[in-house]
Amino acid sequence: TKLILLDSLLQETMEEAAAELDTKFQDTERRLDTVAWKVDQLVKVDTEGGESLSAAKLLQNLQEVKKDFSTVVKEVEQLKADQQTAMAAILQEFQTAMGTAEQLKGRLDLPPE
């Protein structure tokens, strides 16, 4: 029964880590979509009113997009670090579970696999 509990705990840990990473990935993807939309708006020419963006407004919009993109890059880097941390934790849980399983086998005097 301890092996079943360990397996269940390991599976739960992996599922929680995957769900958390998926949520972070979706948030970052939404931010990247927003940056893409802003870039589209920045380069779009307003032909209806015959007006064009002033150089100052164009520069301001470009700086906003650059700032947003920088934020997304940082989020992606953090997501990468979070993923590596989660994978290391899962690996540690797995190694602990395997060690415990080996101990239980030893106590039951079962032949090694």
PDB file of N, CA and C in Angstrom:
ATOM      1  N   THR A   1       0.819  -1.205   0.000  1.00  0.00           N
ATOM      2  CA  THR A   1       0.000   0.000   0.000  1.00  0.00           C
ATOM      3  C   THR A   1       0.859   1.264   0.000  1.00  0.00           C
ATOM      4  N   LYS A   2       2.071   1.179   0.575  1.00  0.00           N
ATOM      5  CA  LYS A   2       2.947   2.349   0.563  1.00  0.00           C
ATOM      6  C   LYS A   2       3.370   2.700  -0.856  1.00  0.00           C
ATOM      7  N   LEU A   3       3.586   1.660  -1.690  1.00  0.00           N
ATOM      8  CA  LEU A   3       3.965   1.916  -3.070  1.00  0.00           C
ATOM      9  C   LEU A   3       2.840   2.623  -3.813  1.00  0.00           C
ATOM     10  N   ILE A   4       1.621   2.218  -3.552  1.00  0.00           N
ATOM     11  CA  ILE A   4       0.473   2.848  -4.205  1.00  0.00           C
ATOM     12  C   ILE A   4       0.364   4.300  -3.769  1.00  0.00           C
ATOM     13  N   LEU A   5       0.572   4.549  -2.478  1.00  0.00           N
ATOM     14  CA  LEU A   5       0.526   5.918  -1.974  1.00  0.00           C
ATOM     15  C   LEU A   5       1.634   6.771  -2.583  1.00  0.00           C
ATOM     16  N   LEU A   6       2.830   6.208  -2.691  1.00  0.00           N
ATOM     17  CA  LEU A   6       3.952   6.943  -3.289  1.00  0.00           C
ATOM     18  C   LEU A   6       3.673   7.250  -4.757  1.00  0.00           C
ATOM     19  N   ASP A   7       3.147   6.263  -5.459  1.00  0.00           N
ATOM     20  CA  ASP A   7       2.823   6.452  -6.871  1.00  0.00           C
ATOM     21  C   ASP A   7       1.761   7.534  -7.021  1.00  0.00           C
ATOM     22  N   SER A   8       0.756   7.502  -6.170  1.00  0.00           N
ATOM     23  CA  SER A   8      -0.315   8.496  -6.210  1.00  0.00           C
ATOM     24  C   SER A   8       0.233   9.890  -5.905  1.00  0.00           C
ATOM     25  N   LEU A   9       1.093   9.992  -4.908  1.00  0.00           N
ATOM     26  CA  LEU A   9       1.693  11.272  -4.541  1.00  0.00           C
ATOM     27  C   LEU A   9       2.556  11.816  -5.677  1.00  0.00           C
ATOM     28  N   LEU A  10       3.336  10.958  -6.287  1.00  0.00           N
ATOM     29  CA  LEU A  10       4.197  11.363  -7.392  1.00  0.00           C
ATOM     30  C   LEU A  10       3.359  11.848  -8.571  1.00  0.00           C
ATOM     31  N   GLN A  11       2.306  11.117  -8.879  1.00  0.00           N
ATOM     32  CA  GLN A  11       1.435  11.504  -9.986  1.00  0.00           C
ATOM     33  C   GLN A  11       0.756  12.847  -9.697  1.00  0.00           C
ATOM     34  N   GLU A  12       0.305  13.035  -8.469  1.00  0.00           N
ATOM     35  CA  GLU A  12      -0.338  14.296  -8.079  1.00  0.00           C
ATOM     36  C   GLU A  12       0.641  15.459  -8.186  1.00  0.00           C
ATOM     37  N   THR A  13       1.865  15.255  -7.744  1.00  0.00           N
ATOM     38  CA  THR A  13       2.890  16.292  -7.826  1.00  0.00           C
ATOM     39  C   THR A  13       3.165  16.673  -9.276  1.00  0.00           C
ATOM     40  N   MET A  14       3.274  15.680 -10.133  1.00  0.00           N
ATOM     41  CA  MET A  14       3.534  15.947 -11.546  1.00  0.00           C
ATOM     42  C   MET A  14       2.360  16.685 -12.180  1.00  0.00           C
ATOM     43  N   GLU A  15       1.140  16.285 -11.853  1.00  0.00           N
ATOM     44  CA  GLU A  15      -0.037  16.935 -12.422  1.00  0.00           C
ATOM     45  C   GLU A  15      -0.140  18.391 -11.964  1.00  0.00           C
ATOM     46  N   GLU A  16       0.146  18.647 -10.687  1.00  0.00           N
ATOM     47  CA  GLU A  16       0.101  20.017 -10.179  1.00  0.00           C
ATOM     48  C   GLU A  16       1.156  20.880 -10.857  1.00  0.00           C
ATOM     49  N   ALA A  17       2.356  20.352 -11.002  1.00  0.00           N
ATOM     50  CA  ALA A  17       3.434  21.106 -11.649  1.00  0.00           C
ATOM     51  C   ALA A  17       3.077  21.397 -13.107  1.00  0.00           C
ATOM     52  N   ALA A  18       2.532  20.407 -13.792  1.00  0.00           N
ATOM     53  CA  ALA A  18       2.154  20.599 -15.193  1.00  0.00           C
ATOM     54  C   ALA A  18       1.042  21.637 -15.325  1.00  0.00           C
ATOM     55  N   ALA A  19       0.072  21.588 -14.435  1.00  0.00           N
ATOM     56  CA  ALA A  19      -1.039  22.548 -14.486  1.00  0.00           C
ATOM     57  C   ALA A  19      -0.541  23.973 -14.229  1.00  0.00           C
ATOM     58  N   GLU A  20       0.345  24.117 -13.254  1.00  0.00           N
ATOM     59  CA  GLU A  20       0.887  25.443 -12.938  1.00  0.00           C
ATOM     60  C   GLU A  20       1.700  25.996 -14.109  1.00  0.00           C
ATOM     61  N   LEU A  21       2.528  25.153 -14.706  1.00  0.00           N
ATOM     62  CA  LEU A  21       3.318  25.594 -15.849  1.00  0.00           C
ATOM     63  C   LEU A  21       2.422  25.941 -17.031  1.00  0.00           C
ATOM     64  N   ASP A  22       1.355  25.166 -17.228  1.00  0.00           N
ATOM     65  CA  ASP A  22       0.433  25.432 -18.326  1.00  0.00           C
ATOM     66  C   ASP A  22      -0.245  26.782 -18.141  1.00  0.00           C
ATOM     67  N   THR A  23      -0.654  27.090 -16.924  1.00  0.00           N
ATOM     68  CA  THR A  23      -1.285  28.379 -16.636  1.00  0.00           C
ATOM     69  C   THR A  23      -0.316  29.518 -16.925  1.00  0.00           C
ATOM     70  N   LYS A  24       0.918  29.380 -16.471  1.00  0.00           N
ATOM     71  CA  LYS A  24       1.925  30.420 -16.719  1.00  0.00           C
ATOM     72  C   LYS A  24       2.195  30.573 -18.212  1.00  0.00           C
ATOM     73  N   PHE A  25       2.237  29.449 -18.912  1.00  0.00           N
ATOM     74  CA  PHE A  25       2.475  29.486 -20.359  1.00  0.00           C
ATOM     75  C   PHE A  25       1.339  30.222 -21.063  1.00  0.00           C
ATOM     76  N   GLN A  26       0.104  29.930 -20.679  1.00  0.00           N
ATOM     77  CA  GLN A  26      -1.043  30.595 -21.303  1.00  0.00           C
ATOM     78  C   GLN A  26      -1.033  32.099 -21.036  1.00  0.00           C
ATOM     79  N   ASP A  27      -0.679  32.499 -19.816  1.00  0.00           N
ATOM     80  CA  ASP A  27      -0.588  33.927 -19.486  1.00  0.00           C
ATOM     81  C   ASP A  27       0.466  34.614 -20.352  1.00  0.00           C
ATOM     82  N   THR A  28       1.605  33.972 -20.495  1.00  0.00           N
ATOM     83  CA  THR A  28       2.679  34.541 -21.311  1.00  0.00           C
ATOM     84  C   THR A  28       2.269  34.608 -22.772  1.00  0.00           C
ATOM     85  N   GLU A  29       1.572  33.580 -23.226  1.00  0.00           N
ATOM     86  CA  GLU A  29       1.111  33.566 -24.612  1.00  0.00           C
ATOM     87  C   GLU A  29       0.117  34.708 -24.872  1.00  0.00           C
ATOM     88  N   ARG A  30      -0.763  34.979 -23.904  1.00  0.00           N
ATOM     89  CA  ARG A  30      -1.706  36.101 -24.043  1.00  0.00           C
ATOM     90  C   ARG A  30      -0.957  37.432 -24.112  1.00  0.00           C
ATOM     91  N   ARG A  31       0.069  37.569 -23.293  1.00  0.00           N
ATOM     92  CA  ARG A  31       0.849  38.815 -23.319  1.00  0.00           C
ATOM     93  C   ARG A  31       1.569  38.975 -24.657  1.00  0.00           C
ATOM     94  N   LEU A  32       2.073  37.873 -25.184  1.00  0.00           N
ATOM     95  CA  LEU A  32       2.741  37.924 -26.478  1.00  0.00           C
ATOM     96  C   LEU A  32       1.741  38.288 -27.576  1.00  0.00           C
ATOM     97  N   ASP A  33       0.530  37.761 -27.491  1.00  0.00           N
ATOM     98  CA  ASP A  33      -0.518  38.136 -28.450  1.00  0.00           C
ATOM     99  C   ASP A  33      -0.814  39.630 -28.375  1.00  0.00           C
ATOM    100  N   THR A  34      -0.820  40.170 -27.160  1.00  0.00           N
ATOM    101  CA  THR A  34      -1.063  41.604 -26.978  1.00  0.00           C
ATOM    102  C   THR A  34       0.053  42.415 -27.632  1.00  0.00           C
ATOM    103  N   VAL A  35       1.287  41.968 -27.459  1.00  0.00           N
ATOM    104  CA  VAL A  35       2.422  42.662 -28.090  1.00  0.00           C
ATOM    105  C   VAL A  35       2.272  42.600 -29.608  1.00  0.00           C
ATOM    106  N   ALA A  36       1.898  41.446 -30.133  1.00  0.00           N
ATOM    107  CA  ALA A  36       1.720  41.302 -31.585  1.00  0.00           C
ATOM    108  C   ALA A  36       0.621  42.236 -32.085  1.00  0.00           C
ATOM    109  N   TRP A  37      -0.462  42.339 -31.317  1.00  0.00           N
ATOM    110  CA  TRP A  37      -1.556  43.233 -31.697  1.00  0.00           C
ATOM    111  C   TRP A  37      -1.059  44.681 -31.712  1.00  0.00           C
ATOM    112  N   LYS A  38      -0.289  45.056 -30.698  1.00  0.00           N
ATOM    113  CA  LYS A  38       0.231  46.425 -30.638  1.00  0.00           C
ATOM    114  C   LYS A  38       1.156  46.720 -31.817  1.00  0.00           C
ATOM    115  N   VAL A  39       1.946  45.733 -32.195  1.00  0.00           N
ATOM    116  CA  VAL A  39       2.825  45.918 -33.363  1.00  0.00           C
ATOM    117  C   VAL A  39       1.970  46.108 -34.608  1.00  0.00           C
ATOM    118  N   ASP A  40       0.924  45.288 -34.739  1.00  0.00           N
ATOM    119  CA  ASP A  40       0.030  45.440 -35.891  1.00  0.00           C
ATOM    120  C   ASP A  40      -0.588  46.834 -35.925  1.00  0.00           C
ATOM    121  N   GLN A  41      -1.023  47.322 -34.764  1.00  0.00           N
ATOM    122  CA  GLN A  41      -1.620  48.654 -34.691  1.00  0.00           C
ATOM    123  C   GLN A  41      -0.588  49.731 -35.015  1.00  0.00           C
ATOM    124  N   LEU A  42       0.634  49.480 -34.618  1.00  0.00           N
ATOM    125  CA  LEU A  42       1.703  50.450 -34.832  1.00  0.00           C
ATOM    126  C   LEU A  42       2.012  50.622 -36.316  1.00  0.00           C
ATOM    127  N   VAL A  43       2.013  49.531 -37.050  1.00  0.00           N
ATOM    128  CA  VAL A  43       2.399  49.602 -38.462  1.00  0.00           C
ATOM    129  C   VAL A  43       1.206  49.800 -39.392  1.00  0.00           C
ATOM    130  N   LYS A  44       0.007  49.697 -38.835  1.00  0.00           N
ATOM    131  CA  LYS A  44      -1.187  49.861 -39.665  1.00  0.00           C
ATOM    132  C   LYS A  44      -1.329  51.326 -40.088  1.00  0.00           C
ATOM    133  N   VAL A  45      -1.609  51.519 -41.329  1.00  0.00           N
ATOM    134  CA  VAL A  45      -1.785  52.879 -41.846  1.00  0.00           C
ATOM    135  C   VAL A  45      -3.279  53.197 -41.829  1.00  0.00           C
ATOM    136  N   ASP A  46      -3.629  54.306 -41.245  1.00  0.00           N
ATOM    137  CA  ASP A  46      -5.027  54.729 -41.175  1.00  0.00           C
ATOM    138  C   ASP A  46      -5.391  55.410 -42.490  1.00  0.00           C
ATOM    139  N   THR A  47      -6.018  54.668 -43.373  1.00  0.00           N
ATOM    140  CA  THR A  47      -6.367  55.221 -44.685  1.00  0.00           C
ATOM    141  C   THR A  47      -7.728  55.880 -44.689  1.00  0.00           C
ATOM    142  N   GLU A  48      -8.556  55.599 -43.706  1.00  0.00           N
ATOM    143  CA  GLU A  48      -9.900  56.166 -43.689  1.00  0.00           C
ATOM    144  C   GLU A  48      -9.874  57.672 -43.449  1.00  0.00           C
ATOM    145  N   GLY A  49      -9.148  58.077 -42.433  1.00  0.00           N
ATOM    146  CA  GLY A  49      -9.125  59.493 -42.098  1.00  0.00           C
ATOM    147  C   GLY A  49      -8.043  60.256 -42.830  1.00  0.00           C
ATOM    148  N   GLY A  50      -7.196  59.563 -43.506  1.00  0.00           N
ATOM    149  CA  GLY A  50      -6.103  60.202 -44.214  1.00  0.00           C
ATOM    150  C   GLY A  50      -5.043  60.749 -43.281  1.00  0.00           C
ATOM    151  N   GLU A  51      -5.100  60.376 -42.003  1.00  0.00           N
ATOM    152  CA  GLU A  51      -4.119  60.862 -41.040  1.00  0.00           C
ATOM    153  C   GLU A  51      -3.007  59.839 -40.876  1.00  0.00           C
ATOM    154  N   SER A  52      -1.864  60.316 -40.578  1.00  0.00           N
ATOM    155  CA  SER A  52      -0.761  59.411 -40.271  1.00  0.00           C
ATOM    156  C   SER A  52      -0.257  59.754 -38.878  1.00  0.00           C
ATOM    157  N   LEU A  53       0.401  58.801 -38.276  1.00  0.00           N
ATOM    158  CA  LEU A  53       0.934  59.025 -36.937  1.00  0.00           C
ATOM    159  C   LEU A  53       2.089  60.012 -36.988  1.00  0.00           C
ATOM    160  N   SER A  54       2.125  60.879 -36.004  1.00  0.00           N
ATOM    161  CA  SER A  54       3.260  61.791 -35.913  1.00  0.00           C
ATOM    162  C   SER A  54       4.486  60.990 -35.482  1.00  0.00           C
ATOM    163  N   ALA A  55       5.631  61.547 -35.732  1.00  0.00           N
ATOM    164  CA  ALA A  55       6.869  60.867 -35.360  1.00  0.00           C
ATOM    165  C   ALA A  55       6.933  60.649 -33.852  1.00  0.00           C
ATOM    166  N   ALA A  56       6.471  61.627 -33.069  1.00  0.00           N
ATOM    167  CA  ALA A  56       6.500  61.500 -31.612  1.00  0.00           C
ATOM    168  C   ALA A  56       5.573  60.375 -31.144  1.00  0.00           C
ATOM    169  N   LYS A  57       4.376  60.325 -31.728  1.00  0.00           N
ATOM    170  CA  LYS A  57       3.412  59.274 -31.348  1.00  0.00           C
ATOM    171  C   LYS A  57       3.932  57.908 -31.780  1.00  0.00           C
ATOM    172  N   LEU A  58       4.499  57.828 -32.954  1.00  0.00           N
ATOM    173  CA  LEU A  58       5.072  56.585 -33.460  1.00  0.00           C
ATOM    174  C   LEU A  58       6.186  56.102 -32.543  1.00  0.00           C
ATOM    175  N   LEU A  59       7.060  57.011 -32.113  1.00  0.00           N
ATOM    176  CA  LEU A  59       8.150  56.664 -31.210  1.00  0.00           C
ATOM    177  C   LEU A  59       7.618  56.193 -29.861  1.00  0.00           C
ATOM    178  N   GLN A  60       6.594  56.886 -29.340  1.00  0.00           N
ATOM    179  CA  GLN A  60       5.988  56.488 -28.069  1.00  0.00           C
ATOM    180  C   GLN A  60       5.392  55.088 -28.164  1.00  0.00           C
ATOM    181  N   ASN A  61       4.672  54.832 -29.244  1.00  0.00           N
ATOM    182  CA  ASN A  61       4.079  53.501 -29.435  1.00  0.00           C
ATOM    183  C   ASN A  61       5.155  52.429 -29.562  1.00  0.00           C
ATOM    184  N   LEU A  62       6.210  52.758 -30.265  1.00  0.00           N
ATOM    185  CA  LEU A  62       7.306  51.802 -30.431  1.00  0.00           C
ATOM    186  C   LEU A  62       7.971  51.499 -29.095  1.00  0.00           C
ATOM    187  N   GLN A  63       8.148  52.527 -28.268  1.00  0.00           N
ATOM    188  CA  GLN A  63       8.740  52.313 -26.946  1.00  0.00           C
ATOM    189  C   GLN A  63       7.837  51.449 -26.062  1.00  0.00           C
ATOM    190  N   GLU A  64       6.523  51.634 -26.157  1.00  0.00           N
ATOM    191  CA  GLU A  64       5.583  50.808 -25.393  1.00  0.00           C
ATOM    192  C   GLU A  64       5.669  49.349 -25.826  1.00  0.00           C
ATOM    193  N   VAL A  65       5.729  49.124 -27.132  1.00  0.00           N
ATOM    194  CA  VAL A  65       5.831  47.760 -27.652  1.00  0.00           C
ATOM    195  C   VAL A  65       7.144  47.128 -27.208  1.00  0.00           C
ATOM    196  N   LYS A  66       8.219  47.904 -27.258  1.00  0.00           N
ATOM    197  CA  LYS A  66       9.527  47.399 -26.836  1.00  0.00           C
ATOM    198  C   LYS A  66       9.497  47.007 -25.354  1.00  0.00           C
ATOM    199  N   LYS A  67       8.861  47.825 -24.526  1.00  0.00           N
ATOM    200  CA  LYS A  67       8.739  47.542 -23.096  1.00  0.00           C
ATOM    201  C   LYS A  67       7.902  46.279 -22.870  1.00  0.00           C
ATOM    202  N   ASP A  68       6.767  46.187 -23.584  1.00  0.00           N
ATOM    203  CA  ASP A  68       5.914  45.001 -23.455  1.00  0.00           C
ATOM    204  C   ASP A  68       6.656  43.734 -23.882  1.00  0.00           C
ATOM    205  N   PHE A  69       7.403  43.844 -24.975  1.00  0.00           N
ATOM    206  CA  PHE A  69       8.147  42.687 -25.462  1.00  0.00           C
ATOM    207  C   PHE A  69       9.205  42.272 -24.446  1.00  0.00           C
ATOM    208  N   SER A  70       9.865  43.241 -23.843  1.00  0.00           N
ATOM    209  CA  SER A  70      10.869  42.952 -22.821  1.00  0.00           C
ATOM    210  C   SER A  70      10.236  42.218 -21.644  1.00  0.00           C
ATOM    211  N   THR A  71       9.032  42.638 -21.257  1.00  0.00           N
ATOM    212  CA  THR A  71       8.314  41.968 -20.172  1.00  0.00           C
ATOM    213  C   THR A  71       8.009  40.522 -20.542  1.00  0.00           C
ATOM    214  N   VAL A  72       7.573  40.296 -21.772  1.00  0.00           N
ATOM    215  CA  VAL A  72       7.270  38.936 -22.221  1.00  0.00           C
ATOM    216  C   VAL A  72       8.529  38.082 -22.216  1.00  0.00           C
ATOM    217  N   VAL A  73       9.642  38.646 -22.660  1.00  0.00           N
ATOM    218  CA  VAL A  73      10.909  37.896 -22.658  1.00  0.00           C
ATOM    219  C   VAL A  73      11.270  37.477 -21.234  1.00  0.00           C
ATOM    220  N   LYS A  74      11.110  38.389 -20.281  1.00  0.00           N
ATOM    221  CA  LYS A  74      11.402  38.059 -18.879  1.00  0.00           C
ATOM    222  C   LYS A  74      10.470  36.967 -18.377  1.00  0.00           C
ATOM    223  N   GLU A  75       9.203  37.033 -18.759  1.00  0.00           N
ATOM    224  CA  GLU A  75       8.247  36.014 -18.334  1.00  0.00           C
ATOM    225  C   GLU A  75       8.606  34.644 -18.913  1.00  0.00           C
ATOM    226  N   VAL A  76       9.047  34.626 -20.157  1.00  0.00           N
ATOM    227  CA  VAL A  76       9.461  33.364 -20.784  1.00  0.00           C
ATOM    228  C   VAL A  76      10.680  32.799 -20.062  1.00  0.00           C
ATOM    229  N   GLU A  77      11.619  33.665 -19.718  1.00  0.00           N
ATOM    230  CA  GLU A  77      12.795  33.210 -18.975  1.00  0.00           C
ATOM    231  C   GLU A  77      12.402  32.658 -17.610  1.00  0.00           C
ATOM    232  N   GLN A  78      11.453  33.320 -16.941  1.00  0.00           N
ATOM    233  CA  GLN A  78      10.977  32.836 -15.643  1.00  0.00           C
ATOM    234  C   GLN A  78      10.231  31.517 -15.809  1.00  0.00           C
ATOM    235  N   LEU A  79       9.450  31.402 -16.876  1.00  0.00           N
ATOM    236  CA  LEU A  79       8.729  30.162 -17.158  1.00  0.00           C
ATOM    237  C   LEU A  79       9.715  29.013 -17.367  1.00  0.00           C
ATOM    238  N   LYS A  80      10.789  29.290 -18.070  1.00  0.00           N
ATOM    239  CA  LYS A  80      11.825  28.278 -18.292  1.00  0.00           C
ATOM    240  C   LYS A  80      12.431  27.846 -16.962  1.00  0.00           C
ATOM    241  N   ALA A  81      12.741  28.817 -16.108  1.00  0.00           N
ATOM    242  CA  ALA A  81      13.311  28.499 -14.797  1.00  0.00           C
ATOM    243  C   ALA A  81      12.315  27.708 -13.946  1.00  0.00           C
ATOM    244  N   ASP A  82      11.043  28.113 -13.986  1.00  0.00           N
ATOM    245  CA  ASP A  82      10.013  27.392 -13.233  1.00  0.00           C
ATOM    246  C   ASP A  82       9.871  25.957 -13.721  1.00  0.00           C
ATOM    247  N   GLN A  83       9.953  25.779 -15.039  1.00  0.00           N
ATOM    248  CA  GLN A  83       9.851  24.441 -15.604  1.00  0.00           C
ATOM    249  C   GLN A  83      11.029  23.579 -15.146  1.00  0.00           C
ATOM    250  N   GLN A  84      12.221  24.140 -15.158  1.00  0.00           N
ATOM    251  CA  GLN A  84      13.395  23.389 -14.722  1.00  0.00           C
ATOM    252  C   GLN A  84      13.284  23.025 -13.242  1.00  0.00           C
ATOM    253  N   THR A  85      12.789  23.958 -12.424  1.00  0.00           N
ATOM    254  CA  THR A  85      12.601  23.696 -11.001  1.00  0.00           C
ATOM    255  C   THR A  85      11.574  22.596 -10.784  1.00  0.00           C
ATOM    256  N   ALA A  86      10.473  22.681 -11.523  1.00  0.00           N
ATOM    257  CA  ALA A  86       9.427  21.658 -11.400  1.00  0.00           C
ATOM    258  C   ALA A  86       9.948  20.286 -11.812  1.00  0.00           C
ATOM    259  N   MET A  87      10.703  20.241 -12.881  1.00  0.00           N
ATOM    260  CA  MET A  87      11.243  18.957 -13.341  1.00  0.00           C
ATOM    261  C   MET A  87      12.234  18.389 -12.321  1.00  0.00           C
ATOM    262  N   ALA A  88      13.033  19.251 -11.715  1.00  0.00           N
ATOM    263  CA  ALA A  88      13.975  18.785 -10.696  1.00  0.00           C
ATOM    264  C   ALA A  88      13.222  18.252  -9.482  1.00  0.00           C
ATOM    265  N   ALA A  89      12.140  18.915  -9.099  1.00  0.00           N
ATOM    266  CA  ALA A  89      11.336  18.447  -7.962  1.00  0.00           C
ATOM    267  C   ALA A  89      10.676  17.113  -8.271  1.00  0.00           C
ATOM    268  N   ILE A  90      10.159  16.983  -9.479  1.00  0.00           N
ATOM    269  CA  ILE A  90       9.535  15.720  -9.884  1.00  0.00           C
ATOM    270  C   ILE A  90      10.564  14.596  -9.901  1.00  0.00           C
ATOM    271  N   LEU A  91      11.740  14.887 -10.422  1.00  0.00           N
ATOM    272  CA  LEU A  91      12.804  13.879 -10.442  1.00  0.00           C
ATOM    273  C   LEU A  91      13.179  13.466  -9.027  1.00  0.00           C
ATOM    274  N   GLN A  92      13.282  14.435  -8.122  1.00  0.00           N
ATOM    275  CA  GLN A  92      13.609  14.131  -6.728  1.00  0.00           C
ATOM    276  C   GLN A  92      12.525  13.261  -6.100  1.00  0.00           C
ATOM    277  N   GLU A  93      11.252  13.605  -6.359  1.00  0.00           N
ATOM    278  CA  GLU A  93      10.139  12.798  -5.841  1.00  0.00           C
ATOM    279  C   GLU A  93      10.209  11.374  -6.395  1.00  0.00           C
ATOM    280  N   PHE A  94      10.520  11.261  -7.667  1.00  0.00           N
ATOM    281  CA  PHE A  94      10.617   9.951  -8.299  1.00  0.00           C
ATOM    282  C   PHE A  94      11.753   9.137  -7.686  1.00  0.00           C
ATOM    283  N   GLN A  95      12.895   9.775  -7.486  1.00  0.00           N
ATOM    284  CA  GLN A  95      14.030   9.070  -6.885  1.00  0.00           C
ATOM    285  C   GLN A  95      13.712   8.635  -5.455  1.00  0.00           C
ATOM    286  N   THR A  96      13.016   9.487  -4.717  1.00  0.00           N
ATOM    287  CA  THR A  96      12.612   9.135  -3.357  1.00  0.00           C
ATOM    288  C   THR A  96      11.660   7.942  -3.384  1.00  0.00           C
ATOM    289  N   ALA A  97      10.708   7.983  -4.307  1.00  0.00           N
ATOM    290  CA  ALA A  97       9.746   6.885  -4.427  1.00  0.00           C
ATOM    291  C   ALA A  97      10.454   5.579  -4.793  1.00  0.00           C
ATOM    292  N   MET A  98      11.401   5.661  -5.707  1.00  0.00           N
ATOM    293  CA  MET A  98      12.131   4.452  -6.116  1.00  0.00           C
ATOM    294  C   MET A  98      12.965   3.919  -4.950  1.00  0.00           C
ATOM    295  N   GLY A  99      13.590   4.801  -4.187  1.00  0.00           N
ATOM    296  CA  GLY A  99      14.366   4.370  -3.026  1.00  0.00           C
ATOM    297  C   GLY A  99      13.485   3.707  -1.994  1.00  0.00           C
ATOM    298  N   THR A 100      12.329   4.280  -1.758  1.00  0.00           N
ATOM    299  CA  THR A 100      11.387   3.692  -0.800  1.00  0.00           C
ATOM    300  C   THR A 100      10.890   2.343  -1.296  1.00  0.00           C
ATOM    301  N   ALA A 101      10.640   2.236  -2.577  1.00  0.00           N
ATOM    302  CA  ALA A 101      10.193   0.961  -3.144  1.00  0.00           C
ATOM    303  C   ALA A 101      11.266  -0.108  -2.959  1.00  0.00           C
ATOM    304  N   GLU A 102      12.512   0.266  -3.179  1.00  0.00           N
ATOM    305  CA  GLU A 102      13.602  -0.697  -2.996  1.00  0.00           C
ATOM    306  C   GLU A 102      13.704  -1.129  -1.534  1.00  0.00           C
ATOM    307  N   GLN A 103      13.526  -0.174  -0.621  1.00  0.00           N
ATOM    308  CA  GLN A 103      13.548  -0.518   0.810  1.00  0.00           C
ATOM    309  C   GLN A 103      12.423  -1.482   1.158  1.00  0.00           C
ATOM    310  N   LEU A 104      11.246  -1.236   0.612  1.00  0.00           N
ATOM    311  CA  LEU A 104      10.108  -2.110   0.880  1.00  0.00           C
ATOM    312  C   LEU A 104      10.350  -3.511   0.308  1.00  0.00           C
ATOM    313  N   LYS A 105      10.932  -3.570  -0.863  1.00  0.00           N
ATOM    314  CA  LYS A 105      11.247  -4.875  -1.450  1.00  0.00           C
ATOM    315  C   LYS A 105      12.229  -5.621  -0.557  1.00  0.00           C
ATOM    316  N   GLY A 106      13.216  -4.888  -0.046  1.00  0.00           N
ATOM    317  CA  GLY A 106      14.200  -5.508   0.844  1.00  0.00           C
ATOM    318  C   GLY A 106      13.553  -6.045   2.110  1.00  0.00           C
ATOM    319  N   ARG A 107      12.610  -5.328   2.642  1.00  0.00           N
ATOM    320  CA  ARG A 107      11.918  -5.777   3.856  1.00  0.00           C
ATOM    321  C   ARG A 107      11.046  -6.994   3.599  1.00  0.00           C
ATOM    322  N   LEU A 108      10.535  -7.090   2.388  1.00  0.00           N
ATOM    323  CA  LEU A 108       9.663  -8.222   2.042  1.00  0.00           C
ATOM    324  C   LEU A 108      10.472  -9.406   1.521  1.00  0.00           C
ATOM    325  N   ASP A 109      11.785  -9.231   1.429  1.00  0.00           N
ATOM    326  CA  ASP A 109      12.671 -10.267   0.906  1.00  0.00           C
ATOM    327  C   ASP A 109      12.256 -10.735  -0.499  1.00  0.00           C
ATOM    328  N   LEU A 110      11.861  -9.768  -1.325  1.00  0.00           N
ATOM    329  CA  LEU A 110      11.509 -10.092  -2.697  1.00  0.00           C
ATOM    330  C   LEU A 110      12.776 -10.085  -3.538  1.00  0.00           C
ATOM    331  N   PRO A 111      12.832 -10.938  -4.553  1.00  0.00           N
ATOM    332  CA  PRO A 111      14.016 -10.943  -5.413  1.00  0.00           C
ATOM    333  C   PRO A 111      14.071  -9.635  -6.214  1.00  0.00           C
ATOM    334  N   PRO A 112      15.291  -9.103  -6.427  1.00  0.00           N
ATOM    335  CA  PRO A 112      15.419  -7.876  -7.196  1.00  0.00           C
ATOM    336  C   PRO A 112      14.964  -8.075  -8.639  1.00  0.00           C
ATOM    337  N   GLU A 113      14.456  -7.014  -9.256  1.00  0.00           N
ATOM    338  CA  GLU A 113      13.978  -7.132 -10.637  1.00  0.00           C
ATOM    339  C   GLU A 113      15.115  -6.973 -11.604  1.00  0.00           C
TER     340      GLU A 113
END
